[in-house]
Amino acid sequence: MSETPANKSQTGGGTQKGGNTILPLALIDKCIGSRIYVVMKGDKEFSGVLRGFDEYVNMVLDDVQEYGFKVDDGDSGDGNKKLKRVLVNRLETILLSGNNVAMLVPGGDPDSFNFS
């Protein structure tokens, strides 16, 4: 499909220097079969193997770990509360609604993100 001004905005449009543009859905497509890290709107996060997705970024994940946050009871000394990521659940397969996805990290590992 050639890009016309009408469909350019739908596909991400244009090319960068050297023609190395990658569109969001193409990046997600490259992640099929590999582990991804998904941050949802609110306070939930998931890590799992991407099995499929649609144009709305609804995703099917296998071997899923669901994370939430709790206030760390340790006293930091500065009066500020710290959040700690905790494993909430392990699930075999889930369907995530694309409406609630805030960020998707290919190959992401939740332990590599430190909130302190």
Protein backbone atom coordinates (compact mmCIF):
# COMPACT_ATOMS: atom_id res chain seq x y z
CA MET A 1 0.00 0.00 0.00
CA SER A 2 1.50 3.31 -1.01
CA GLU A 3 1.32 6.19 1.40
CA THR A 4 -0.98 8.99 0.45
CA PRO A 5 -1.64 12.06 2.57
CA ALA A 6 -4.92 10.45 3.68
CA ASN A 7 -3.36 7.29 5.10
CA LYS A 8 0.01 8.74 6.09
CA SER A 9 -1.21 9.74 9.55
CA GLN A 10 -2.69 6.28 10.16
CA THR A 11 0.55 4.46 9.41
CA GLY A 12 2.93 6.83 11.14
CA GLY A 13 3.90 8.28 7.78
CA GLY A 14 7.11 9.52 6.24
CA THR A 15 10.62 8.18 6.39
CA GLN A 16 13.57 9.23 8.46
CA LYS A 17 17.03 9.86 7.08
CA GLY A 18 18.21 6.58 5.61
CA GLY A 19 14.68 5.15 5.41
CA ASN A 20 14.83 3.41 8.80
CA THR A 21 11.32 4.25 9.98
CA ILE A 22 9.62 1.59 12.03
CA LEU A 23 5.92 1.93 12.72
CA PRO A 24 4.47 1.08 16.15
CA LEU A 25 2.49 -1.96 14.97
CA ALA A 26 5.54 -3.24 13.07
CA LEU A 27 7.60 -3.04 16.26
CA ILE A 28 4.94 -4.93 18.20
CA ASP A 29 4.79 -7.53 15.40
CA LYS A 30 8.54 -8.13 15.78
CA CYS A 31 7.93 -8.95 19.46
CA ILE A 32 5.61 -11.90 18.81
CA GLY A 33 7.07 -14.96 20.52
CA SER A 34 9.29 -12.93 22.85
CA ARG A 35 8.86 -11.58 26.36
CA ILE A 36 7.51 -8.06 26.72
CA TYR A 37 6.85 -5.77 29.66
CA VAL A 38 3.53 -3.89 29.62
CA VAL A 39 2.74 -0.93 31.87
CA MET A 40 -0.98 -0.31 32.16
CA LYS A 41 -2.81 2.90 33.06
CA GLY A 42 -3.24 2.83 36.81
CA ASP A 43 -1.07 0.62 38.97
CA LYS A 44 -0.78 -2.70 37.11
CA GLU A 45 2.13 -4.08 35.10
CA PHE A 46 2.50 -7.35 33.21
CA SER A 47 5.41 -9.34 31.86
CA GLY A 48 4.73 -12.18 29.44
CA VAL A 49 5.32 -13.77 26.06
CA LEU A 50 3.42 -11.96 23.30
CA ARG A 51 1.33 -14.41 21.25
CA GLY A 52 -0.70 -11.96 19.20
CA PHE A 53 -2.30 -8.52 18.95
CA ASP A 54 -4.74 -6.58 16.82
CA GLU A 55 -4.92 -3.06 15.38
CA TYR A 56 -6.23 -1.78 18.73
CA VAL A 57 -3.17 -3.26 20.50
CA ASN A 58 -5.33 -5.76 22.37
CA MET A 59 -2.75 -8.41 23.26
CA VAL A 60 -2.67 -12.11 24.13
CA LEU A 61 0.16 -12.93 26.54
CA ASP A 62 1.33 -16.34 27.80
CA ASP A 63 3.42 -17.19 30.87
CA VAL A 64 2.31 -13.96 32.53
CA GLN A 65 3.48 -12.29 35.71
CA GLU A 66 1.20 -9.57 37.07
CA TYR A 67 2.73 -6.85 39.23
CA GLY A 68 1.24 -4.22 41.49
CA PHE A 69 2.67 -1.71 43.92
CA LYS A 70 2.61 -1.32 47.66
CA VAL A 71 4.00 1.33 49.96
CA ASP A 72 7.38 0.22 51.29
CA ASP A 73 7.25 0.08 55.09
CA GLY A 74 10.94 0.92 55.43
CA ASP A 75 11.69 4.40 56.75
CA SER A 76 13.70 6.33 54.19
CA GLY A 77 14.53 9.04 56.74
CA ASP A 78 13.34 11.86 54.48
CA GLY A 79 9.64 11.44 55.25
CA ASN A 80 8.82 10.30 51.72
CA LYS A 81 7.02 7.03 51.10
CA LYS A 82 8.48 4.71 48.49
CA LEU A 83 6.60 2.33 46.24
CA LYS A 84 7.72 -1.26 45.89
CA ARG A 85 6.78 -3.49 42.94
CA VAL A 86 5.33 -6.79 44.10
CA LEU A 87 4.38 -9.93 42.20
CA VAL A 88 0.61 -10.24 42.48
CA ASN A 89 -0.21 -13.24 40.32
CA ARG A 90 1.10 -15.74 37.77
CA LEU A 91 -1.25 -16.53 34.91
CA GLU A 92 -1.05 -18.97 32.01
CA THR A 93 -2.75 -16.79 29.37
CA ILE A 94 -4.43 -13.39 29.39
CA LEU A 95 -6.02 -10.92 26.99
CA LEU A 96 -5.05 -7.30 27.71
CA SER A 97 -7.20 -4.44 26.45
CA GLY A 98 -5.22 -2.01 24.32
CA ASN A 99 -7.30 0.86 25.74
CA ASN A 100 -5.47 0.50 29.04
CA VAL A 101 -1.89 0.10 27.78
CA ALA A 102 0.36 3.04 28.69
CA MET A 103 3.74 1.60 27.62
CA LEU A 104 5.08 -1.57 26.02
CA VAL A 105 8.75 -2.50 26.41
CA PRO A 106 10.08 -5.16 24.01
CA GLY A 107 12.24 -7.66 25.89
CA GLY A 108 11.59 -5.63 29.00
CA ASP A 109 12.28 -7.00 32.43
CA PRO A 110 10.37 -5.33 35.26
CA ASP A 111 13.33 -5.77 37.60
CA SER A 112 15.40 -3.47 35.35
CA PHE A 113 13.14 -0.53 36.29
CA ASN A 114 14.02 0.96 39.66
CA PHE A 115 11.62 3.45 41.23
CA SER A 116 13.72 4.47 44.21
